[in-house]
Amino acid sequence: MQKTKLGVREPIAVKVVMLGKSTQELVRDPGTTLSDVLAEQGVAGQMEARVNGETAHPSRVLADRDVVLLVPRIRGGGR
């Protein structure tokens, strides 16, 4: 749970795992959304995103210690 000091909300730590590529620990302001992280990583619209193992909408507000898993979208083969 996020701690507060005299009404000031402290930053949150979010782990971002890009399947097959990298893992990063991000420290962001409270209110950061999944969409913010996707845009920052340069993968908006290119990856499927899960937060703590569950499919999440880009508008989801992230919480301290959330784990964001980014998986490349699988595209069907055409002939």
Protein backbone atom coordinates (compact mmCIF):
# COMPACT_ATOMS: atom_id res chain seq x y z
CA MET A 1 0.00 0.00 0.00
CA GLN A 2 1.19 3.48 -0.78
CA LYS A 3 2.55 5.46 2.16
CA THR A 4 1.79 9.11 2.79
CA LYS A 5 3.70 11.77 4.67
CA LEU A 6 1.72 14.83 5.64
CA GLY A 7 -0.63 14.37 2.70
CA VAL A 8 2.17 13.92 0.15
CA ARG A 9 1.90 10.71 -1.84
CA GLU A 10 5.18 8.91 -2.33
CA PRO A 11 6.34 7.52 -5.68
CA ILE A 12 5.40 3.99 -6.70
CA ALA A 13 7.76 1.25 -7.88
CA VAL A 14 6.58 -0.78 -10.87
CA LYS A 15 8.41 -3.70 -12.46
CA VAL A 16 8.13 -3.89 -16.26
CA VAL A 17 8.96 -7.23 -17.86
CA MET A 18 9.23 -7.18 -21.65
CA LEU A 19 9.06 -10.87 -22.54
CA GLY A 20 12.27 -12.03 -24.19
CA LYS A 21 13.95 -8.64 -23.91
CA SER A 22 14.34 -6.90 -20.57
CA THR A 23 13.15 -6.27 -17.04
CA GLN A 24 13.11 -2.78 -15.55
CA GLU A 25 12.18 -1.32 -12.20
CA LEU A 26 10.47 2.05 -12.71
CA VAL A 27 9.78 4.66 -10.05
CA ARG A 28 6.87 6.88 -11.04
CA ASP A 29 4.39 9.32 -9.57
CA PRO A 30 1.12 8.02 -8.14
CA GLY A 31 -1.60 8.11 -10.80
CA THR A 32 0.66 6.70 -13.51
CA THR A 33 -1.39 4.56 -15.90
CA LEU A 34 -0.56 1.49 -17.92
CA SER A 35 -0.94 3.69 -21.01
CA ASP A 36 1.77 6.02 -19.67
CA VAL A 37 4.17 3.10 -19.28
CA LEU A 38 3.34 1.66 -22.72
CA ALA A 39 4.00 5.03 -24.36
CA GLU A 40 7.22 5.53 -22.41
CA GLN A 41 8.48 2.10 -23.48
CA GLY A 42 7.57 2.86 -27.11
CA VAL A 43 5.31 -0.18 -27.41
CA ALA A 44 1.80 1.30 -27.33
CA GLY A 45 -0.39 -0.81 -29.63
CA GLN A 46 2.39 -3.34 -30.27
CA MET A 47 2.27 -5.46 -27.12
CA GLU A 48 -0.31 -7.26 -25.04
CA ALA A 49 -0.12 -6.01 -21.46
CA ARG A 50 -0.90 -7.78 -18.20
CA VAL A 51 -0.73 -6.32 -14.73
CA ASN A 52 -0.09 -8.80 -11.94
CA GLY A 53 -1.00 -11.64 -14.31
CA GLU A 54 -4.33 -10.22 -15.45
CA THR A 55 -5.27 -8.52 -18.72
CA ALA A 56 -5.50 -4.80 -18.05
CA HIS A 57 -7.01 -1.82 -19.87
CA PRO A 58 -4.51 0.94 -20.75
CA SER A 59 -6.39 3.34 -18.46
CA ARG A 60 -5.59 1.22 -15.41
CA VAL A 61 -3.86 3.24 -12.70
CA LEU A 62 -0.79 1.38 -11.51
CA ALA A 63 -0.04 0.77 -7.85
CA ASP A 64 3.15 0.30 -5.87
CA ARG A 65 4.76 -3.09 -6.56
CA ASP A 66 2.64 -3.85 -9.63
CA VAL A 67 4.28 -6.09 -12.22
CA VAL A 68 3.58 -5.20 -15.85
CA LEU A 69 4.21 -8.02 -18.34
CA LEU A 70 4.53 -6.99 -21.99
CA VAL A 71 4.13 -9.77 -24.56
CA PRO A 72 4.49 -9.28 -28.34
CA ARG A 73 1.18 -9.57 -30.16
CA ILE A 74 0.91 -12.77 -32.14
CA ARG A 75 -0.20 -12.22 -35.69
CA GLY A 76 -1.78 -14.84 -37.86
CA GLY A 77 -0.04 -15.94 -41.01
CA GLY A 78 -1.69 -14.95 -44.25
CA ARG A 79 -1.35 -16.58 -47.60
